[in-house]
Amino acid sequence: MYSGGDDVSSIVLDVGTSTVKGGYAGEDSPKAIFPTDIGVVFTAGTDESTVGVNQQAIGESEEPDPAAKRTYYVGTNAVTYKRPHMHIQSPLQDGLIKDWDAMEHIWNHAFRYRLNTNPNEHPILLAEPSFNTKQIREKMSEIMFEKYHTPALFLSKNAVLTAFASCKASALVMDSGGGMTSVVPVHDGYVIKNAITKSNLAGNRLTDEYYRILSQKNIRINPHNLIKKVEVKQGEYSVTNIDIPDLTESYKKYVSMEIVRDLKETSFRVSNGQVGEDLHIATVPYELPDGNLLEVGSDRFQVPENMFNPTPLNEQQEGSNHRYVPLPKMIYESVEKCDTDIRRELIANLIISGGNSLFQGFSDRLYMELGDLSASFGKVKFVVPNVNERKYGVWIGGSILGSLGTFQQMWMSKSEWEEYGRPLVEKKCP
């Protein structure tokens, strides 16, 4: 049990697949928000030709030389700076930590540079994926206690915190973010692990798909920091590409994808499912960084449609064993795996969360698609938080939980860790 001073605020940290959110318990919104993707420069003993130069997607690279020295760059400005030989990578794979060295640099950046605090002076609440593994949870705890020397730690599952933010002890949490979409039943504050359904068909996959469509139409995305734009006369600009040697493909792809992501978030919406509806809606203009005006037509419906009908995406990866499942089917399968006596309660508290759920018309379409669920299990009732709560629901739930007086006895303390070690994690943070 941790019995620290009441005046010491807990630090709440949520490392999502798209952004990292950090701040102090008891506050309304996170103080620090920055990208999860980081820049890495390999030096000393590294053959640049073998490290990520041929990356086709962010985060994919051949294995670097183990002897190579890595220099990490974390945060929006550091990642987007035009740095030679810098590869953009994510420390996560399918929502789980795969690169511990990189993850420590993210934690360092959050504690020391964004929150300006020393982690050995504050209890730390870490949000984790509901499908996290025992080995990862134990290693996270070990690093927090033995490297950062935090006085107390708690690991809490994303879905539980999202439910908590909506004042629910039992709920079905549909969370669709940058890299992962998951449906997680929460009953009396505990995740029903065997009923979790998840998929990497989420925001980043939709951005990738739209980038592919634009490339097919020969529409070139010129990011702000790779062009020079000079006003020739009022309203007219001369645009030239800046030729910077030794920029990696992953860097160019990353800064281009940021433009496509913004385009997607500002222009796209979910159709109501009626055939041909997208043909009768006016196009939406979007000004690209080079000044060209892009008229976004039916693509703004067709790309988000993949969440509800992923057949086109599945056809692209024909021959692969991995098949995307429609979001309504994921919800149905999750409920079906739960005990019959709690199904009605879960679907009467279906929480919609995650940045990828912010498309206009998303909730209405999902409700319409879940008619079969109502027929099978009872009335579906949505809990649709506001925009801020959908984007930061996990962090907000952690902020509420970490500030409760009754929560103090739940922390894993440093002394308990020294006495029990790794088995303490599953015991105190089920």
Protein backbone atom coordinates (compact mmCIF):
# COMPACT_ATOMS: atom_id res chain seq x y z
CA MET A 1 0.00 0.00 0.00
CA TYR A 2 1.22 3.50 -0.87
CA SER A 3 0.59 6.27 1.63
CA GLY A 4 2.32 9.24 0.05
CA GLY A 5 1.57 12.86 0.80
CA ASP A 6 -1.82 14.18 -0.28
CA ASP A 7 -0.18 17.20 -1.94
CA VAL A 8 1.78 15.05 -4.43
CA SER A 9 -0.14 14.66 -7.68
CA SER A 10 0.04 11.40 -9.59
CA ILE A 11 1.35 11.42 -13.15
CA VAL A 12 -1.02 9.87 -15.70
CA LEU A 13 0.53 8.62 -18.93
CA ASP A 14 -1.29 7.12 -21.93
CA VAL A 15 0.94 6.00 -24.82
CA GLY A 16 -1.44 5.46 -27.73
CA THR A 17 -0.56 4.18 -31.19
CA SER A 18 -0.85 7.72 -32.59
CA THR A 19 -0.14 10.14 -29.74
CA VAL A 20 1.24 10.17 -26.20
CA LYS A 21 -0.89 11.93 -23.59
CA GLY A 22 0.61 12.92 -20.23
CA GLY A 23 -0.41 15.10 -17.31
CA TYR A 24 -1.34 15.23 -13.64
CA ALA A 25 -4.24 13.41 -11.99
CA GLY A 26 -7.14 15.69 -11.15
CA GLU A 27 -6.74 17.89 -14.22
CA ASP A 28 -9.34 18.08 -17.00
CA SER A 29 -7.08 17.40 -19.96
CA PRO A 30 -3.53 16.18 -20.64
CA LYS A 31 -0.77 18.76 -20.32
CA ALA A 32 1.52 17.08 -22.87
CA ILE A 33 0.44 15.65 -26.23
CA PHE A 34 3.03 14.56 -28.80
CA PRO A 35 3.44 11.88 -31.51
CA THR A 36 4.24 8.29 -30.58
CA ASP A 37 6.35 7.96 -33.74
CA ILE A 38 9.98 8.91 -33.12
CA GLY A 39 13.07 9.69 -35.17
CA VAL A 40 16.09 7.37 -35.01
CA VAL A 41 19.54 7.97 -36.47
CA PHE A 42 21.87 4.94 -36.60
CA THR A 43 25.61 5.64 -36.43
CA ALA A 44 28.92 3.84 -35.90
CA GLY A 45 29.05 0.48 -37.61
CA THR A 46 25.74 0.90 -39.40
CA ASP A 47 25.51 0.41 -43.12
CA GLU A 48 22.92 3.02 -44.13
CA SER A 49 21.98 0.99 -47.18
CA THR A 50 20.56 -1.74 -44.95
CA VAL A 51 18.72 0.33 -42.38
CA GLY A 52 15.29 1.41 -43.41
CA VAL A 53 16.27 3.14 -46.66
CA ASN A 54 13.86 0.93 -48.55
CA GLN A 55 11.10 1.30 -45.98
CA GLN A 56 7.72 1.04 -47.63
CA ALA A 57 5.81 2.05 -44.55
CA ILE A 58 6.55 3.92 -41.37
CA GLY A 59 8.13 1.66 -38.79
CA GLU A 60 9.16 -1.07 -41.24
CA SER A 61 12.87 -1.58 -41.63
CA GLU A 62 15.45 -4.26 -41.89
CA GLU A 63 17.22 -5.18 -38.68
CA PRO A 64 20.03 -2.68 -37.97
CA ASP A 65 23.48 -3.72 -36.81
CA PRO A 66 23.16 -4.53 -33.06
CA ALA A 67 26.39 -2.57 -32.51
CA ALA A 68 24.93 0.57 -34.08
CA LYS A 69 24.53 3.57 -31.84
CA ARG A 70 21.03 4.99 -31.91
CA THR A 71 20.19 8.64 -31.41
CA TYR A 72 16.50 9.24 -30.70
CA TYR A 73 14.41 12.34 -31.47
CA VAL A 74 11.07 12.64 -29.69
CA GLY A 75 8.29 15.23 -30.01
CA THR A 76 6.58 17.01 -32.90
CA ASN A 77 9.40 19.45 -33.72
CA ALA A 78 12.17 16.87 -33.40
CA VAL A 79 10.40 14.31 -35.58
CA THR A 80 9.49 16.73 -38.39
CA TYR A 81 12.91 18.45 -38.50
CA LYS A 82 14.74 17.71 -41.77
CA ARG A 83 17.55 15.60 -40.33
CA PRO A 84 19.77 13.50 -42.64
CA HIS A 85 19.62 9.70 -42.20
CA MET A 86 16.75 9.92 -39.67
CA HIS A 87 14.24 7.07 -39.85
CA ILE A 88 10.73 7.46 -38.46
CA GLN A 89 9.64 4.47 -36.42
CA SER A 90 7.04 3.50 -33.85
CA PRO A 91 8.00 1.75 -30.60
CA LEU A 92 4.68 -0.13 -30.82
CA GLN A 93 3.54 -3.03 -32.98
CA ASP A 94 -0.17 -3.90 -33.03
CA GLY A 95 -0.60 -1.65 -29.99
CA LEU A 96 2.05 -3.44 -27.86
CA ILE A 97 5.57 -2.29 -26.96
CA LYS A 98 8.20 -3.81 -29.26
CA ASP A 99 11.14 -1.38 -28.81
CA TRP A 100 11.93 -0.79 -25.14
CA ASP A 101 14.82 1.58 -25.78
CA ALA A 102 12.58 3.84 -27.84
CA MET A 103 9.77 3.60 -25.26
CA GLU A 104 12.12 4.78 -22.51
CA HIS A 105 12.98 7.83 -24.61
CA ILE A 106 9.24 8.59 -24.92
CA TRP A 107 8.78 8.27 -21.15
CA ASN A 108 11.88 10.46 -20.58
CA HIS A 109 10.53 13.12 -22.93
CA ALA A 110 7.14 13.11 -21.20
CA PHE A 111 8.54 13.29 -17.64
CA ARG A 112 11.53 15.57 -18.01
CA TYR A 113 10.80 17.83 -20.97
CA ARG A 114 7.02 18.08 -21.21
CA LEU A 115 5.90 17.74 -17.59
CA ASN A 116 9.17 19.13 -16.17
CA THR A 117 9.09 16.74 -13.27
CA ASN A 118 11.13 14.01 -11.65
CA PRO A 119 9.32 10.65 -11.78
CA ASN A 120 10.85 9.55 -8.46
CA GLU A 121 8.72 12.18 -6.71
CA HIS A 122 5.29 11.12 -8.05
CA PRO A 123 3.15 8.00 -8.19
CA ILE A 124 2.67 7.01 -11.84
CA LEU A 125 -0.49 5.63 -13.43
CA LEU A 126 0.21 4.00 -16.79
CA ALA A 127 -2.63 3.24 -19.19
CA GLU A 128 -2.12 -0.01 -21.09
CA PRO A 129 -3.93 -1.87 -23.89
CA SER A 130 -6.63 -4.21 -22.58
CA PHE A 131 -4.90 -7.03 -24.46
CA ASN A 132 -1.43 -6.31 -23.03
CA THR A 133 0.74 -9.33 -22.19
CA LYS A 134 1.93 -10.39 -18.73
CA GLN A 135 5.59 -10.10 -19.81
CA ILE A 136 5.18 -6.52 -21.07
CA ARG A 137 3.30 -5.45 -17.94
CA GLU A 138 6.03 -6.84 -15.70
CA LYS A 139 8.81 -5.19 -17.70
CA MET A 140 6.98 -1.82 -17.64
CA SER A 141 6.74 -2.09 -13.85
CA GLU A 142 10.38 -3.11 -13.51
CA ILE A 143 11.58 -0.09 -15.52
CA MET A 144 9.34 2.32 -13.60
CA PHE A 145 10.50 1.10 -10.18
CA GLU A 146 14.16 0.31 -10.90
CA LYS A 147 15.10 2.98 -13.45
CA TYR A 148 12.72 5.84 -12.66
CA HIS A 149 12.43 4.96 -8.93
CA THR A 150 8.77 5.96 -8.77
CA PRO A 151 7.38 5.68 -5.21
CA ALA A 152 4.21 3.94 -6.48
CA LEU A 153 2.79 2.58 -9.72
CA PHE A 154 -0.50 1.35 -11.11
CA LEU A 155 -1.25 -0.17 -14.51
CA SER A 156 -4.82 0.29 -15.69
CA LYS A 157 -6.46 -1.04 -18.82
CA ASN A 158 -7.55 1.48 -21.46
CA ALA A 159 -11.13 0.21 -21.64
CA VAL A 160 -11.59 0.42 -17.85
CA LEU A 161 -10.36 4.03 -17.84
CA THR A 162 -12.60 4.94 -20.80
CA ALA A 163 -15.60 3.45 -18.96
CA PHE A 164 -14.55 5.29 -15.80
CA ALA A 165 -14.43 8.60 -17.71
CA SER A 166 -18.08 8.01 -18.68
CA CYS A 167 -19.01 7.07 -15.08
CA LYS A 168 -19.65 3.43 -15.97
CA ALA A 169 -18.49 0.36 -14.03
CA SER A 170 -19.85 -1.97 -16.72
CA ALA A 171 -19.77 -1.12 -20.42
CA LEU A 172 -18.83 -2.33 -23.87
CA VAL A 173 -15.97 -0.05 -24.99
CA MET A 174 -15.45 0.38 -28.74
CA ASP A 175 -12.15 2.23 -29.12
CA SER A 176 -10.79 3.06 -32.57
CA GLY A 177 -7.58 5.10 -32.58
CA GLY A 178 -4.59 5.51 -34.87
CA GLY A 179 -3.21 1.99 -34.98
CA MET A 180 -5.80 -0.28 -33.35
CA THR A 181 -9.55 -0.77 -33.13
CA SER A 182 -10.74 -2.84 -30.18
CA VAL A 183 -14.04 -3.89 -28.62
CA VAL A 184 -13.62 -4.64 -24.92
CA PRO A 185 -16.33 -5.68 -22.42
CA VAL A 186 -15.84 -4.22 -18.94
CA HIS A 187 -17.88 -5.68 -16.07
CA ASP A 188 -17.73 -4.22 -12.55
CA GLY A 189 -14.46 -2.49 -13.40
CA TYR A 190 -12.73 -5.58 -14.80
CA VAL A 191 -11.99 -6.46 -18.42
CA ILE A 192 -13.43 -9.74 -19.73
CA LYS A 193 -10.26 -10.77 -21.53
CA ASN A 194 -11.57 -13.75 -23.48
CA ALA A 195 -14.23 -11.55 -25.15
CA ILE A 196 -11.88 -8.87 -26.54
CA THR A 197 -11.93 -8.42 -30.32
CA LYS A 198 -9.28 -6.26 -31.99
CA SER A 199 -8.03 -5.26 -35.41
CA ASN A 200 -5.37 -2.96 -36.89
CA LEU A 201 -7.99 -1.55 -39.26
CA ALA A 202 -7.98 1.91 -37.70
CA GLY A 203 -7.06 5.53 -38.48
CA ASN A 204 -3.56 4.88 -39.83
CA ARG A 205 -4.80 2.15 -42.17
CA LEU A 206 -7.44 4.50 -43.58
CA THR A 207 -4.79 7.21 -44.07
CA ASP A 208 -2.59 4.68 -45.91
CA GLU A 209 -5.51 3.74 -48.14
CA TYR A 210 -6.25 7.36 -49.05
CA TYR A 211 -2.56 7.98 -49.77
CA ARG A 212 -2.69 5.00 -52.17
CA ILE A 213 -5.80 6.41 -53.89
CA LEU A 214 -4.17 9.85 -54.31
CA SER A 215 -1.04 8.21 -55.76
CA GLN A 216 -3.20 6.30 -58.27
CA LYS A 217 -4.69 9.63 -59.37
CA ASN A 218 -1.17 11.07 -59.74
CA ILE A 219 -1.89 13.63 -57.03
CA ARG A 220 1.41 14.50 -55.38
CA ILE A 221 1.55 15.55 -51.76
CA ASN A 222 4.29 18.12 -51.16
CA PRO A 223 4.71 18.63 -47.39
CA HIS A 224 5.40 22.14 -46.04
CA ASN A 225 8.96 21.41 -45.01
CA LEU A 226 10.01 19.89 -48.35
CA ILE A 227 8.99 22.84 -50.56
CA LYS A 228 9.85 26.51 -50.93
CA LYS A 229 6.84 28.72 -51.64
CA VAL A 230 7.39 32.28 -52.86
CA GLU A 231 4.61 34.76 -53.64
CA VAL A 232 5.08 35.98 -57.22
CA LYS A 233 2.15 38.38 -57.11
CA GLN A 234 -0.90 38.65 -54.89
CA GLY A 235 -2.54 35.25 -54.65
CA GLU A 236 -0.02 33.53 -56.94
CA TYR A 237 2.91 31.46 -55.74
CA SER A 238 5.98 29.84 -57.20
CA VAL A 239 6.65 26.45 -55.61
CA THR A 240 9.96 24.59 -55.85
CA ASN A 241 10.94 21.32 -54.19
CA ILE A 242 13.82 21.54 -51.74
CA ASP A 243 16.37 18.88 -52.59
CA ILE A 244 17.85 17.68 -49.31
CA PRO A 245 20.30 14.79 -49.63
CA ASP A 246 20.16 11.82 -47.26
CA LEU A 247 16.54 12.23 -46.20
CA THR A 248 15.17 8.74 -45.64
CA GLU A 249 12.09 7.36 -47.36
CA SER A 250 10.39 6.82 -43.99
CA TYR A 251 10.83 10.53 -43.16
CA LYS A 252 9.40 11.67 -46.51
CA LYS A 253 6.51 9.26 -46.12
CA TYR A 254 5.83 10.43 -42.55
CA VAL A 255 5.59 14.15 -43.35
CA SER A 256 3.47 13.38 -46.43
CA MET A 257 1.14 11.18 -44.39
CA GLU A 258 0.63 13.96 -41.85
CA ILE A 259 -0.91 16.09 -44.64
CA VAL A 260 -3.08 13.17 -45.80
CA ARG A 261 -4.17 12.54 -42.20
CA ASP A 262 -5.24 16.17 -41.77
CA LEU A 263 -7.07 16.01 -45.10
CA LYS A 264 -8.86 12.86 -43.94
CA GLU A 265 -9.80 14.30 -40.55
CA THR A 266 -11.15 17.59 -41.93
CA SER A 267 -12.98 16.35 -45.04
CA PHE A 268 -14.19 12.76 -44.54
CA ARG A 269 -17.50 11.51 -43.22
CA VAL A 270 -19.34 8.22 -42.91
CA SER A 271 -22.26 7.61 -45.27
CA ASN A 272 -25.62 6.45 -43.99
CA GLY A 273 -25.26 3.23 -45.97
CA GLN A 274 -27.62 4.14 -48.81
CA VAL A 275 -26.30 3.17 -52.25
CA GLY A 276 -25.29 6.18 -54.32
CA GLU A 277 -25.57 8.68 -51.48
CA ASP A 278 -21.99 9.84 -52.01
CA LEU A 279 -22.71 10.71 -55.65
CA HIS A 280 -25.13 13.50 -54.72
CA ILE A 281 -22.97 15.31 -52.18
CA ALA A 282 -20.93 18.34 -53.19
CA THR A 283 -17.16 18.04 -53.23
CA VAL A 284 -15.12 19.64 -50.46
CA PRO A 285 -12.11 21.85 -51.34
CA TYR A 286 -8.83 21.31 -49.49
CA GLU A 287 -5.80 23.51 -50.07
CA LEU A 288 -2.59 21.50 -50.24
CA PRO A 289 0.67 22.98 -48.84
CA ASP A 290 1.86 23.86 -52.37
CA GLY A 291 -1.24 26.01 -52.93
CA ASN A 292 -3.05 23.55 -55.22
CA LEU A 293 -6.73 23.07 -54.48
CA LEU A 294 -7.86 19.46 -54.15
CA GLU A 295 -11.57 18.80 -54.63
CA VAL A 296 -12.39 15.82 -52.40
CA GLY A 297 -15.30 13.88 -53.89
CA SER A 298 -16.67 10.40 -53.24
CA ASP A 299 -13.37 9.34 -51.62
CA ARG A 300 -14.45 11.15 -48.47
CA PHE A 301 -17.19 8.51 -48.05
CA GLN A 302 -15.48 5.50 -49.55
CA VAL A 303 -12.39 5.48 -47.32
CA PRO A 304 -14.24 5.51 -43.93
CA GLU A 305 -16.67 2.96 -45.43
CA ASN A 306 -13.86 0.40 -45.03
CA MET A 307 -14.57 0.32 -41.30
CA PHE A 308 -18.03 -1.09 -42.05
CA ASN A 309 -17.23 -2.98 -45.24
CA PRO A 310 -13.52 -3.89 -45.50
CA THR A 311 -13.97 -6.10 -48.60
CA PRO A 312 -11.90 -3.75 -50.87
CA LEU A 313 -9.00 -3.84 -48.37
CA ASN A 314 -9.22 -7.62 -48.06
CA GLU A 315 -9.12 -7.95 -51.85
CA GLN A 316 -5.89 -5.90 -51.94
CA GLN A 317 -4.16 -8.43 -49.70
CA GLU A 318 -5.44 -11.52 -51.45
CA GLY A 319 -3.43 -14.56 -50.46
CA SER A 320 -2.80 -13.19 -46.96
CA ASN A 321 -4.23 -15.03 -43.96
CA HIS A 322 -5.06 -11.71 -42.31
CA ARG A 323 -8.63 -10.60 -43.06
CA TYR A 324 -10.24 -7.43 -41.75
CA VAL A 325 -13.62 -7.82 -40.03
CA PRO A 326 -16.38 -5.16 -40.23
CA LEU A 327 -16.69 -3.12 -37.04
CA PRO A 328 -20.32 -4.17 -36.35
CA LYS A 329 -19.27 -7.83 -36.59
CA MET A 330 -16.42 -7.21 -34.11
CA ILE A 331 -18.94 -5.81 -31.64
CA TYR A 332 -21.32 -8.71 -32.21
CA GLU A 333 -18.55 -11.30 -31.71
CA SER A 334 -17.38 -9.64 -28.50
CA VAL A 335 -20.87 -9.63 -26.96
CA GLU A 336 -21.42 -13.24 -28.04
CA LYS A 337 -18.33 -14.34 -26.09
CA CYS A 338 -19.71 -12.82 -22.86
CA ASP A 339 -21.97 -14.59 -20.35
CA THR A 340 -25.63 -14.36 -21.33
CA ASP A 341 -26.63 -12.67 -18.05
CA ILE A 342 -24.46 -9.58 -18.64
CA ARG A 343 -24.94 -9.08 -22.41
CA ARG A 344 -28.00 -6.85 -22.04
CA GLU A 345 -26.19 -4.56 -19.57
CA LEU A 346 -23.12 -4.29 -21.82
CA ILE A 347 -24.93 -3.31 -25.00
CA ALA A 348 -27.06 -0.83 -23.07
CA ASN A 349 -23.76 0.93 -22.31
CA LEU A 350 -21.85 0.89 -25.60
CA ILE A 351 -19.16 3.59 -25.34
CA ILE A 352 -17.78 5.06 -28.58
CA SER A 353 -14.22 6.36 -28.17
CA GLY A 354 -10.96 7.00 -30.00
CA GLY A 355 -9.96 9.64 -32.56
CA ASN A 356 -10.96 7.44 -35.49
CA SER A 357 -14.59 7.53 -34.28
CA LEU A 358 -14.80 11.30 -34.86
CA PHE A 359 -15.92 11.09 -38.49
CA GLN A 360 -19.24 12.86 -38.98
CA GLY A 361 -22.01 10.26 -39.16
CA PHE A 362 -19.92 7.51 -37.51
CA SER A 363 -22.20 6.87 -34.52
CA ASP A 364 -25.42 7.05 -36.58
CA ARG A 365 -24.12 4.52 -39.10
CA LEU A 366 -22.88 2.16 -36.39
CA TYR A 367 -26.22 2.32 -34.60
CA MET A 368 -28.01 1.48 -37.83
CA GLU A 369 -25.67 -1.44 -38.51
CA LEU A 370 -26.22 -2.90 -35.05
CA GLY A 371 -29.88 -3.74 -35.64
CA ASP A 372 -29.11 -7.46 -35.54
CA LEU A 373 -27.45 -7.04 -32.16
CA SER A 374 -30.64 -5.46 -30.74
CA ALA A 375 -32.69 -8.33 -32.11
CA SER A 376 -30.39 -10.92 -30.53
CA PHE A 377 -29.41 -9.45 -27.17
CA GLY A 378 -31.63 -6.46 -26.39
CA LYS A 379 -31.74 -2.70 -26.94
CA VAL A 380 -28.45 -1.08 -27.97
CA LYS A 381 -27.78 2.23 -26.21
CA PHE A 382 -24.80 4.38 -27.13
CA VAL A 383 -22.68 6.50 -24.81
CA VAL A 384 -21.11 9.06 -27.14
CA PRO A 385 -18.76 11.41 -25.24
CA ASN A 386 -17.85 14.82 -26.66
CA VAL A 387 -14.90 15.27 -29.04
CA ASN A 388 -12.35 15.96 -26.31
CA GLU A 389 -13.46 12.98 -24.24
CA ARG A 390 -13.38 10.66 -27.24
CA LYS A 391 -9.81 11.71 -28.10
CA TYR A 392 -8.54 11.70 -24.52
CA GLY A 393 -11.04 9.43 -22.74
CA VAL A 394 -8.38 6.98 -21.53
CA TRP A 395 -6.26 9.78 -20.04
CA ILE A 396 -9.30 11.51 -18.47
CA GLY A 397 -10.35 8.23 -16.83
CA GLY A 398 -6.82 7.88 -15.44
CA SER A 399 -6.91 11.46 -14.18
CA ILE A 400 -10.13 10.80 -12.27
CA LEU A 401 -8.95 7.46 -10.89
CA GLY A 402 -5.50 8.73 -9.85
CA SER A 403 -7.00 11.61 -7.86
CA LEU A 404 -9.45 9.53 -5.79
CA GLY A 405 -8.62 9.19 -2.12
CA THR A 406 -10.05 5.65 -2.07
CA PHE A 407 -7.61 4.69 -4.83
CA GLN A 408 -4.50 5.19 -2.64
CA GLN A 409 -4.59 1.62 -1.27
CA MET A 410 -4.49 0.15 -4.79
CA TRP A 411 -1.05 1.46 -5.80
CA MET A 412 1.94 -0.91 -5.99
CA SER A 413 4.49 0.73 -3.70
CA LYS A 414 8.27 0.67 -4.12
CA SER A 415 8.66 -1.32 -0.89
CA GLU A 416 6.10 -3.92 -2.05
CA TRP A 417 7.94 -4.24 -5.37
CA GLU A 418 11.23 -4.81 -3.56
CA GLU A 419 9.58 -7.50 -1.43
CA TYR A 420 7.49 -9.38 -4.04
CA GLY A 421 8.94 -8.42 -7.45
CA ARG A 422 7.19 -9.28 -10.71
CA PRO A 423 4.34 -11.45 -9.28
CA LEU A 424 3.03 -8.27 -7.59
CA VAL A 425 1.83 -6.88 -10.95
CA GLU A 426 -0.87 -9.49 -11.68
CA LYS A 427 -1.91 -9.46 -8.02
CA LYS A 428 -2.43 -5.70 -7.63
CA CYS A 429 -3.24 -4.71 -11.24
CA PRO A 430 -5.47 -7.53 -12.55
